Amino acid sequence: MSVLIIVFLTAVVALFSGVFEQGKFARYIGILGLIIALCVSFMPECAFFEQYRHMYDYTANTALFTKISIVTTLLLFFLGGFAFSNHRSHQSELYALMLFALCGGIILFGFQNMVTLFLGVEILSIPLYVMAGANKTDLRSNEASIKYFLMGAFATGFLLFGIAFIYGSVGSFDLYKIHDFGTSNPKDVMFILGVLLILCALAFKVALAPFHMWSPDVYYGSPSLITAFMASVVKISGFFALFRLMTIGFAGVTHEWINVLGVFLIITLLLANVMGLAQTNAKRMLAYSSVSHAGYIGLVFFGMTSLSTYNLAFYLFAYALSTVGVFMCLIYVEKLKRETSFGAFKGLAKTEPLLATAAAISMLSMAGVPLTAGFMGKFALFSQAMNGAAFLVLIAVLGSAVSIAYYLRLIIAMFFFKESSFKSSEKVTLTYNIVAVVVIASIIVLGVFPDLFARQFGL
């Protein structure tokens, strides 16, 4: 709760800093506030907040996911100076909206009650609708915003309808009471309908096919830094909310929803990877890659063990790091070339070797190549799911194999062209080089010593 309050106050201060100097300080205020929030997240919860335990419970898992999302947002804030340099007039709003969305994510990590879940989802989504349309002069950005908003309104309707069904059958919003009801009445039709509606709504939030239709257009139209935020922080929040709800609240009726989820995962893994191959634009390709990762992460629901939450956290963190690594490179190229087709990346490694290396290692990690964090994450999830759904693991492995093809297209464009299409005068900033080093080091170190993750986040 204290972390939530710090992030919220930081967002408010960042928003009002826009009054002076066109919001140049908003980024520094955000970085400072996030660092304070990260330090506080390692401390035990303040005794004053005990009285709100029935609505928001700050457990060890909540703390772990809060830390992961704060670290990811912090890395994105470091990239903001260059990424938002043409948003001079409304920089402070963008940073503040990112922090408000993070507040929604933090609520989703600790909800104990369906009302808190709904609040978290809305506080996470509404800033995103605004941020997707931040490039006011760009038609694609406007399209992204309206598409996301309309589809998001639909998903919210599903979520509320589902919550209404659940409340109608249980008579309570509390997760543990819902769990007890589901265990004692596993065949209640209204309850199961509610569960399936909520599953659909949250599948939309994390972009599981067939509810992924919005994601390629929204990812493509939004400013690149916002897209990176959606692909990392929003995915972490959405998945942990889904995980917490399904494994605590709806654990009693697992047999009813697990097969539906399995069908979603099969469609996601096949469709997203095949569509990824067809893309000619790096940003759209990354959107489909993000959808396919939702499919891999979904395997965490099969063959559940006591380590499942940890496996989920590790995979999401590895994925978020890779996302930052790739989008860092994308932001730089988009800024210079005004486009993100594969051709725009030609010969990047000649002028910016560090940036290109960070992007290449990130994509290899996404594809699950050994000695990267992504491989360890996939290995943990796949080996866990082997006990529950070997067929799904087979499809996921095939999907991973296909995904290597479209990641390699970008790597080949960056590294295997004789002449660079970039002028040597346009050097990348020091901040980007530092973030690149951090990303490369983290991905490789976590790939070689995955246990460091547990120590680093105080488990």
Protein backbone atom coordinates (compact mmCIF):
# COMPACT_ATOMS: atom_id res chain seq x y z
CA MET A 1 0.00 0.00 0.00
CA SER A 2 2.84 2.41 0.82
CA VAL A 3 4.43 1.66 -2.59
CA LEU A 4 1.11 2.41 -4.26
CA ILE A 5 0.81 5.75 -2.45
CA ILE A 6 4.40 6.74 -3.35
CA VAL A 7 3.86 5.94 -7.05
CA PHE A 8 0.56 7.83 -7.05
CA LEU A 9 2.04 10.94 -5.42
CA THR A 10 4.99 10.82 -7.83
CA ALA A 11 2.51 10.78 -10.72
CA VAL A 12 0.66 13.79 -9.35
CA VAL A 13 3.87 15.77 -8.83
CA ALA A 14 5.12 14.80 -12.31
CA LEU A 15 1.83 15.93 -13.82
CA PHE A 16 1.97 19.35 -12.18
CA SER A 17 5.65 19.80 -12.98
CA GLY A 18 4.45 20.37 -16.56
CA VAL A 19 3.52 23.92 -15.52
CA PHE A 20 7.22 24.82 -15.47
CA GLU A 21 9.70 24.41 -18.34
CA GLN A 22 7.38 22.26 -20.49
CA GLY A 23 7.66 19.28 -18.22
CA LYS A 24 11.39 18.70 -18.57
CA PHE A 25 11.58 17.70 -14.90
CA ALA A 26 8.71 15.20 -15.02
CA ARG A 27 11.05 12.42 -16.09
CA TYR A 28 13.53 13.06 -13.26
CA ILE A 29 10.69 13.29 -10.73
CA GLY A 30 9.35 9.98 -12.05
CA ILE A 31 12.74 8.27 -11.84
CA LEU A 32 13.31 9.56 -8.30
CA GLY A 33 9.83 8.47 -7.16
CA LEU A 34 10.22 5.01 -8.72
CA ILE A 35 13.59 4.50 -7.01
CA ILE A 36 12.06 5.44 -3.64
CA ALA A 37 9.10 3.11 -4.32
CA LEU A 38 11.50 0.30 -5.20
CA CYS A 39 13.41 0.75 -1.93
CA VAL A 40 10.16 0.82 0.06
CA SER A 41 8.92 -2.36 -1.67
CA PHE A 42 11.73 -4.30 0.08
CA MET A 43 10.48 -3.26 3.51
CA PRO A 44 7.64 -4.95 5.43
CA GLU A 45 4.19 -3.38 5.04
CA CYS A 46 3.29 -0.53 7.39
CA ALA A 47 1.05 -1.66 10.30
CA PHE A 48 -1.44 1.14 9.60
CA PHE A 49 -2.60 -0.59 6.40
CA GLU A 50 -3.59 -3.83 8.17
CA GLN A 51 -7.20 -2.59 8.32
CA TYR A 52 -7.46 -2.77 4.51
CA ARG A 53 -6.28 -6.37 4.31
CA HIS A 54 -9.66 -7.66 3.12
CA MET A 55 -9.40 -5.45 0.00
CA TYR A 56 -5.68 -5.30 -0.76
CA ASP A 57 -3.19 -7.74 0.68
CA TYR A 58 0.54 -7.06 0.28
CA THR A 59 1.90 -10.62 0.29
CA ALA A 60 5.36 -11.83 -0.73
CA ASN A 61 4.11 -12.50 -4.27
CA THR A 62 2.59 -9.03 -4.48
CA ALA A 63 5.94 -7.57 -3.42
CA LEU A 64 7.81 -9.65 -6.00
CA PHE A 65 5.62 -8.59 -8.94
CA THR A 66 5.57 -4.97 -7.73
CA LYS A 67 9.38 -4.92 -7.78
CA ILE A 68 9.51 -6.42 -11.28
CA SER A 69 7.08 -3.88 -12.71
CA ILE A 70 8.80 -0.93 -11.00
CA VAL A 71 12.21 -2.01 -12.37
CA THR A 72 10.76 -2.30 -15.89
CA THR A 73 9.05 1.10 -15.68
CA LEU A 74 12.30 2.60 -14.39
CA LEU A 75 14.23 1.30 -17.42
CA LEU A 76 11.56 2.73 -19.73
CA PHE A 77 11.76 6.11 -17.97
CA PHE A 78 15.49 6.21 -18.68
CA LEU A 79 14.68 5.78 -22.38
CA GLY A 80 12.08 8.55 -22.24
CA GLY A 81 14.35 11.55 -22.74
CA PHE A 82 15.19 10.61 -26.32
CA ALA A 83 11.91 8.86 -27.12
CA PHE A 84 9.70 11.78 -26.17
CA SER A 85 11.95 14.55 -27.48
CA ASN A 86 9.34 15.55 -30.07
CA HIS A 87 6.56 15.56 -27.45
CA ARG A 88 8.01 18.71 -25.93
CA SER A 89 4.64 20.25 -25.06
CA HIS A 90 3.07 17.34 -23.19
CA GLN A 91 5.91 15.27 -21.81
CA SER A 92 4.79 15.58 -18.22
CA GLU A 93 1.35 14.11 -18.97
CA LEU A 94 2.86 11.06 -20.64
CA TYR A 95 5.13 10.31 -17.69
CA ALA A 96 2.31 10.91 -15.22
CA LEU A 97 -0.05 8.65 -17.19
CA MET A 98 2.57 5.89 -17.23
CA LEU A 99 2.82 6.16 -13.44
CA PHE A 100 -0.98 6.15 -13.04
CA ALA A 101 -1.14 3.00 -15.18
CA LEU A 102 1.56 1.48 -12.95
CA CYS A 103 -0.67 2.27 -9.92
CA GLY A 104 -3.40 0.19 -11.53
CA GLY A 105 -0.89 -2.61 -12.06
CA ILE A 106 0.18 -2.52 -8.41
CA ILE A 107 -3.48 -2.78 -7.32
CA LEU A 108 -3.83 -5.87 -9.54
CA PHE A 109 -0.90 -7.54 -7.78
CA GLY A 110 -2.64 -7.56 -4.39
CA PHE A 111 -6.40 -7.55 -4.88
CA GLN A 112 -8.46 -9.64 -2.42
CA ASN A 113 -11.81 -8.56 -3.73
CA MET A 114 -13.54 -8.38 -7.11
CA VAL A 115 -14.15 -4.63 -6.69
CA THR A 116 -10.43 -4.03 -6.21
CA LEU A 117 -9.78 -6.15 -9.32
CA PHE A 118 -12.15 -4.00 -11.37
CA LEU A 119 -10.59 -0.79 -10.04
CA GLY A 120 -7.10 -2.06 -10.87
CA VAL A 121 -8.06 -3.05 -14.42
CA GLU A 122 -9.66 0.35 -15.07
CA ILE A 123 -6.84 2.41 -13.54
CA LEU A 124 -4.42 0.40 -15.67
CA SER A 125 -6.43 0.77 -18.89
CA ILE A 126 -7.71 4.33 -18.98
CA PRO A 127 -4.25 6.00 -19.07
CA LEU A 128 -3.31 3.57 -21.85
CA TYR A 129 -6.21 4.71 -24.05
CA VAL A 130 -4.89 8.25 -23.75
CA MET A 131 -1.22 7.34 -24.23
CA ALA A 132 -1.93 5.25 -27.33
CA GLY A 133 -3.18 8.43 -29.01
CA ALA A 134 -0.32 10.64 -27.80
CA ASN A 135 0.90 11.44 -31.34
CA LYS A 136 -2.06 13.71 -32.02
CA THR A 137 -0.98 14.55 -35.56
CA ASP A 138 -0.46 10.91 -36.57
CA LEU A 139 -3.57 9.16 -37.90
CA ARG A 140 -2.27 5.73 -36.93
CA SER A 141 -1.91 6.86 -33.33
CA ASN A 142 -5.49 8.17 -33.34
CA GLU A 143 -6.65 4.86 -34.77
CA ALA A 144 -4.73 2.96 -32.08
CA SER A 145 -6.35 5.01 -29.36
CA ILE A 146 -9.94 4.64 -30.58
CA LYS A 147 -9.51 0.93 -31.33
CA TYR A 148 -8.07 0.23 -27.92
CA PHE A 149 -10.77 2.29 -26.24
CA LEU A 150 -13.70 0.62 -28.01
CA MET A 151 -12.34 -2.90 -27.57
CA GLY A 152 -11.38 -2.13 -23.98
CA ALA A 153 -14.91 -0.91 -23.24
CA PHE A 154 -16.18 -4.22 -24.59
CA ALA A 155 -13.81 -6.19 -22.38
CA THR A 156 -14.82 -4.12 -19.35
CA GLY A 157 -18.43 -5.01 -20.09
CA PHE A 158 -17.53 -8.71 -20.09
CA LEU A 159 -15.63 -8.29 -16.83
CA LEU A 160 -18.50 -6.52 -15.06
CA PHE A 161 -21.05 -8.98 -16.40
CA GLY A 162 -18.92 -11.83 -15.10
CA ILE A 163 -18.48 -10.19 -11.69
CA ALA A 164 -22.26 -9.67 -11.55
CA PHE A 165 -22.88 -13.38 -12.21
CA ILE A 166 -20.35 -14.37 -9.56
CA TYR A 167 -21.81 -11.96 -7.00
CA GLY A 168 -25.29 -13.22 -7.85
CA SER A 169 -24.34 -16.80 -7.08
CA VAL A 170 -21.88 -16.28 -4.18
CA GLY A 171 -23.31 -13.16 -2.53
CA SER A 172 -19.81 -11.80 -1.86
CA PHE A 173 -16.95 -10.14 -3.73
CA ASP A 174 -14.27 -11.68 -1.51
CA LEU A 175 -11.81 -14.00 -3.32
CA TYR A 176 -11.65 -16.59 -0.54
CA LYS A 177 -15.44 -16.75 -0.16
CA ILE A 178 -15.70 -17.20 -3.92
CA HIS A 179 -13.12 -20.00 -3.64
CA ASP A 180 -15.13 -21.77 -0.92
CA PHE A 181 -18.34 -21.45 -2.94
CA GLY A 182 -16.67 -22.85 -6.07
CA THR A 183 -15.28 -25.81 -4.12
CA SER A 184 -18.65 -26.70 -2.58
CA ASN A 185 -20.83 -26.01 -5.70
CA PRO A 186 -18.64 -26.91 -8.69
CA LYS A 187 -21.65 -27.34 -11.00
CA ASP A 188 -23.40 -23.99 -10.42
CA VAL A 189 -24.20 -22.78 -13.97
CA MET A 190 -24.35 -19.07 -13.14
CA PHE A 191 -21.01 -19.24 -11.32
CA ILE A 192 -19.31 -21.01 -14.24
CA LEU A 193 -20.76 -18.49 -16.71
CA GLY A 194 -19.29 -15.70 -14.61
CA VAL A 195 -15.89 -17.42 -14.52
CA LEU A 196 -15.82 -17.82 -18.30
CA LEU A 197 -16.86 -14.20 -18.91
CA ILE A 198 -14.10 -12.93 -16.59
CA LEU A 199 -11.60 -15.25 -18.28
CA CYS A 200 -12.52 -13.71 -21.66
CA ALA A 201 -12.19 -10.17 -20.30
CA LEU A 202 -8.73 -10.81 -18.85
CA ALA A 203 -7.65 -12.76 -21.94
CA PHE A 204 -8.38 -9.53 -23.81
CA LYS A 205 -6.16 -7.55 -21.43
CA VAL A 206 -3.17 -9.85 -21.93
CA ALA A 207 -3.87 -10.25 -25.68
CA LEU A 208 -4.54 -13.98 -25.86
CA ALA A 209 -5.99 -15.00 -29.23
CA PRO A 210 -8.89 -14.86 -30.24
CA PHE A 211 -9.03 -11.63 -28.17
CA HIS A 212 -5.83 -10.20 -29.58
CA MET A 213 -7.31 -8.35 -32.57
CA TRP A 214 -6.57 -4.93 -31.09
CA SER A 215 -2.93 -5.54 -30.27
CA PRO A 216 -1.13 -5.33 -33.67
CA ASP A 217 -2.84 -2.05 -34.62
CA VAL A 218 -2.54 -0.53 -31.16
CA TYR A 219 1.12 -1.52 -30.80
CA TYR A 220 1.87 -0.21 -34.28
CA GLY A 221 0.10 3.13 -33.85
CA SER A 222 1.20 4.06 -30.33
CA PRO A 223 4.46 5.91 -29.64
CA SER A 224 7.18 3.24 -29.35
CA LEU A 225 7.94 3.84 -25.68
CA ILE A 226 4.24 3.43 -24.82
CA THR A 227 4.16 0.24 -26.87
CA ALA A 228 7.10 -1.07 -24.85
CA PHE A 229 5.20 -0.17 -21.66
CA MET A 230 2.12 -2.06 -22.89
CA ALA A 231 4.13 -5.09 -23.91
CA SER A 232 5.99 -5.30 -20.60
CA VAL A 233 4.34 -3.71 -17.56
CA VAL A 234 0.74 -4.17 -18.71
CA LYS A 235 1.39 -7.79 -19.60
CA ILE A 236 2.96 -8.44 -16.17
CA SER A 237 -0.04 -6.88 -14.41
CA GLY A 238 -2.66 -8.60 -16.53
CA PHE A 239 -1.10 -12.02 -16.22
CA PHE A 240 -0.61 -11.92 -12.49
CA ALA A 241 -4.21 -10.71 -12.04
CA LEU A 242 -5.44 -13.61 -14.19
CA PHE A 243 -3.18 -16.03 -12.32
CA ARG A 244 -4.27 -14.84 -8.89
CA LEU A 245 -7.95 -14.90 -9.79
CA MET A 246 -7.87 -18.33 -11.41
CA THR A 247 -5.70 -20.04 -8.80
CA ILE A 248 -7.30 -18.49 -5.68
CA GLY A 249 -10.84 -17.48 -6.59
CA PHE A 250 -11.77 -20.03 -9.21
CA ALA A 251 -9.59 -22.96 -8.11
CA GLY A 252 -12.70 -24.96 -7.19
CA VAL A 253 -13.97 -25.07 -10.77
CA THR A 254 -10.61 -25.51 -12.51
CA HIS A 255 -11.92 -28.37 -14.67
CA GLU A 256 -14.51 -25.99 -16.18
CA TRP A 257 -12.15 -23.24 -17.35
CA ILE A 258 -8.84 -25.02 -17.91
CA ASN A 259 -9.91 -26.56 -21.25
CA VAL A 260 -11.23 -23.23 -22.54
CA LEU A 261 -7.90 -21.66 -21.65
CA GLY A 262 -6.11 -24.54 -23.39
CA VAL A 263 -8.03 -23.82 -26.61
CA PHE A 264 -7.11 -20.12 -26.33
CA LEU A 265 -3.44 -21.07 -25.95
CA ILE A 266 -3.45 -23.38 -28.98
CA ILE A 267 -5.01 -20.67 -31.17
CA THR A 268 -2.58 -18.07 -29.77
CA LEU A 269 0.57 -20.13 -30.29
CA LEU A 270 -0.29 -21.17 -33.84
CA LEU A 271 -1.83 -17.93 -35.07
CA ALA A 272 0.59 -15.41 -33.58
CA ASN A 273 3.75 -17.16 -34.77
CA VAL A 274 2.42 -17.71 -38.30
CA MET A 275 1.22 -14.10 -38.51
CA GLY A 276 4.58 -12.93 -37.17
CA LEU A 277 6.27 -14.54 -40.17
CA ALA A 278 4.10 -12.56 -42.58
CA GLN A 279 5.02 -9.11 -41.20
CA THR A 280 7.28 -6.68 -43.05
CA ASN A 281 7.32 -4.13 -40.23
CA ALA A 282 9.42 -4.65 -37.10
CA LYS A 283 6.89 -3.04 -34.77
CA ARG A 284 3.97 -5.17 -36.00
CA MET A 285 6.21 -8.23 -35.81
CA LEU A 286 6.92 -7.41 -32.16
CA ALA A 287 3.18 -7.05 -31.56
CA TYR A 288 2.56 -10.59 -32.80
CA SER A 289 5.60 -11.74 -30.84
CA SER A 290 3.96 -10.23 -27.74
CA VAL A 291 0.75 -12.17 -28.47
CA SER A 292 2.71 -15.40 -28.87
CA HIS A 293 4.42 -14.81 -25.51
CA ALA A 294 0.99 -14.56 -23.90
CA GLY A 295 0.57 -18.12 -25.18
CA TYR A 296 3.80 -19.36 -23.60
CA ILE A 297 3.05 -17.65 -20.29
CA GLY A 298 -0.42 -19.23 -20.25
CA LEU A 299 1.23 -22.63 -19.81
CA VAL A 300 1.74 -21.70 -16.15
CA PHE A 301 -1.85 -22.84 -15.45
CA PHE A 302 -1.08 -26.44 -16.44
CA GLY A 303 0.59 -28.86 -14.04
CA MET A 304 0.61 -26.29 -11.22
CA THR A 305 3.25 -26.73 -8.51
CA SER A 306 4.36 -24.65 -5.53
CA LEU A 307 6.93 -23.01 -7.82
CA SER A 308 4.40 -21.84 -10.41
CA THR A 309 4.21 -18.25 -9.16
CA TYR A 310 8.00 -18.01 -9.17
CA ASN A 311 8.21 -19.46 -12.71
CA LEU A 312 5.63 -16.91 -13.85
CA ALA A 313 7.58 -14.05 -12.27
CA PHE A 314 10.87 -15.20 -13.78
CA TYR A 315 9.42 -15.54 -17.27
CA LEU A 316 7.66 -12.18 -17.12
CA PHE A 317 10.81 -10.44 -15.91
CA ALA A 318 12.94 -12.06 -18.62
CA TYR A 319 10.34 -11.08 -21.22
CA ALA A 320 10.10 -7.49 -19.92
CA LEU A 321 13.90 -7.11 -20.10
CA SER A 322 13.92 -8.37 -23.68
CA THR A 323 11.09 -6.01 -24.58
CA VAL A 324 13.07 -3.05 -23.25
CA GLY A 325 16.13 -4.21 -25.21
CA VAL A 326 14.32 -4.50 -28.55
CA PHE A 327 12.22 -1.36 -28.21
CA MET A 328 15.26 0.70 -27.25
CA CYS A 329 16.71 -0.10 -30.66
CA LEU A 330 13.33 0.44 -32.35
CA ILE A 331 12.88 3.89 -30.77
CA TYR A 332 16.30 4.98 -32.04
CA VAL A 333 15.66 3.75 -35.59
CA GLU A 334 12.14 5.16 -35.70
CA LYS A 335 13.42 8.54 -34.54
CA LEU A 336 16.02 8.76 -37.33
CA LYS A 337 14.17 7.01 -40.16
CA ARG A 338 10.54 7.87 -39.33
CA GLU A 339 9.60 4.24 -40.06
CA THR A 340 10.09 0.77 -38.59
CA SER A 341 10.16 -1.59 -41.56
CA PHE A 342 12.87 -4.28 -41.55
CA GLY A 343 14.74 -2.30 -44.21
CA ALA A 344 15.10 0.67 -41.85
CA PHE A 345 17.37 -1.40 -39.59
CA LYS A 346 19.92 -2.25 -42.31
CA GLY A 347 23.48 -2.00 -41.10
CA LEU A 348 22.63 -0.63 -37.67
CA ALA A 349 25.40 -2.72 -36.09
CA LYS A 350 28.04 -0.78 -38.05
CA THR A 351 27.22 2.56 -36.40
CA GLU A 352 25.60 1.47 -33.11
CA PRO A 353 27.07 -1.94 -32.23
CA LEU A 354 25.97 -1.84 -28.58
CA LEU A 355 22.34 -1.02 -29.38
CA ALA A 356 22.16 -3.66 -32.10
CA THR A 357 23.73 -6.26 -29.79
CA ALA A 358 21.22 -5.49 -27.04
CA ALA A 359 18.35 -5.91 -29.50
CA ALA A 360 19.80 -9.13 -30.93
CA ILE A 361 20.37 -10.71 -27.50
CA SER A 362 16.88 -9.63 -26.42
CA MET A 363 15.31 -11.28 -29.45
CA LEU A 364 17.34 -14.46 -28.96
CA SER A 365 16.10 -14.46 -25.37
CA MET A 366 12.50 -14.07 -26.61
CA ALA A 367 13.04 -16.99 -28.98
CA GLY A 368 14.37 -19.05 -26.06
CA VAL A 369 17.96 -19.63 -27.16
CA PRO A 370 20.06 -21.26 -24.39
CA LEU A 371 22.25 -19.10 -22.11
CA THR A 372 19.61 -16.35 -22.11
CA ALA A 373 17.04 -15.56 -19.43
CA GLY A 374 14.23 -16.34 -21.88
CA PHE A 375 15.47 -19.92 -22.23
CA MET A 376 15.47 -20.53 -18.48
CA GLY A 377 11.98 -19.02 -18.23
CA LYS A 378 10.61 -21.16 -21.04
CA PHE A 379 12.35 -24.24 -19.69
CA ALA A 380 10.73 -23.82 -16.28
CA LEU A 381 7.25 -23.23 -17.70
CA PHE A 382 7.45 -26.01 -20.29
CA SER A 383 8.80 -28.61 -17.86
CA GLN A 384 6.04 -27.72 -15.39
CA ALA A 385 3.33 -27.95 -18.07
CA MET A 386 4.64 -31.37 -19.23
CA ASN A 387 2.90 -32.88 -16.19
CA GLY A 388 -0.47 -31.43 -17.15
CA ALA A 389 -0.60 -30.81 -20.89
CA ALA A 390 2.19 -32.35 -22.95
CA PHE A 391 0.31 -31.62 -26.19
CA LEU A 392 0.33 -27.89 -25.43
CA VAL A 393 4.06 -27.98 -24.75
CA LEU A 394 4.61 -29.61 -28.13
CA ILE A 395 2.71 -26.79 -29.85
CA ALA A 396 4.62 -24.19 -27.78
CA VAL A 397 7.98 -25.70 -28.80
CA LEU A 398 6.92 -25.65 -32.46
CA GLY A 399 5.82 -22.03 -32.01
CA SER A 400 9.20 -21.14 -30.51
CA ALA A 401 10.95 -22.73 -33.47
CA VAL A 402 8.86 -20.70 -35.93
CA SER A 403 9.44 -17.49 -33.95
CA ILE A 404 13.23 -17.77 -34.42
CA ALA A 405 12.64 -17.14 -38.14
CA TYR A 406 11.06 -13.73 -37.75
CA TYR A 407 13.47 -12.60 -35.04
CA LEU A 408 16.38 -13.58 -37.27
CA ARG A 409 15.08 -11.38 -40.10
CA LEU A 410 15.61 -8.33 -37.91
CA ILE A 411 19.00 -9.56 -36.64
CA ILE A 412 20.16 -10.22 -40.21
CA ALA A 413 19.07 -6.73 -41.28
CA MET A 414 21.08 -5.17 -38.44
CA PHE A 415 24.26 -7.21 -38.67
CA PHE A 416 24.71 -8.63 -42.17
CA PHE A 417 24.70 -5.60 -44.44
CA LYS A 418 27.96 -4.21 -45.73
CA GLU A 419 27.15 -0.50 -45.63
CA SER A 420 25.25 1.20 -42.85
CA SER A 421 22.26 3.32 -43.79
CA PHE A 422 22.86 5.46 -40.69
CA LYS A 423 25.00 8.57 -40.57
CA SER A 424 27.77 8.40 -37.99
CA SER A 425 26.94 11.94 -36.84
CA GLU A 426 23.69 10.78 -35.19
CA LYS A 427 25.10 9.03 -32.17
CA VAL A 428 22.92 7.42 -29.55
CA THR A 429 22.87 9.00 -26.06
CA LEU A 430 24.90 7.75 -23.12
CA THR A 431 21.74 6.76 -21.21
CA TYR A 432 20.80 4.34 -23.98
CA ASN A 433 24.23 2.76 -23.95
CA ILE A 434 24.02 2.29 -20.17
CA VAL A 435 20.53 0.74 -20.43
CA ALA A 436 21.80 -1.48 -23.27
CA VAL A 437 24.64 -2.77 -21.08
CA VAL A 438 22.21 -3.37 -18.18
CA VAL A 439 19.82 -5.32 -20.43
CA ILE A 440 22.56 -7.44 -22.02
CA ALA A 441 24.13 -8.21 -18.63
CA SER A 442 20.79 -9.05 -16.97
CA ILE A 443 19.63 -11.37 -19.75
CA ILE A 444 22.88 -13.31 -19.89
CA VAL A 445 23.47 -13.44 -16.12
CA LEU A 446 19.89 -14.63 -15.46
CA GLY A 447 20.33 -17.17 -18.25
CA VAL A 448 23.47 -18.60 -16.66
CA PHE A 449 22.59 -18.15 -12.95
CA PRO A 450 18.77 -18.12 -12.74
CA ASP A 451 18.95 -18.35 -8.93
CA LEU A 452 20.24 -14.79 -8.78
CA PHE A 453 16.68 -13.66 -9.58
CA ALA A 454 15.43 -15.07 -6.28
CA ARG A 455 18.20 -13.38 -4.30
CA GLN A 456 17.91 -10.06 -6.09
CA PHE A 457 14.20 -9.70 -5.35
CA GLY A 458 14.57 -10.85 -1.76
CA LEU A 459 12.82 -14.22 -1.86
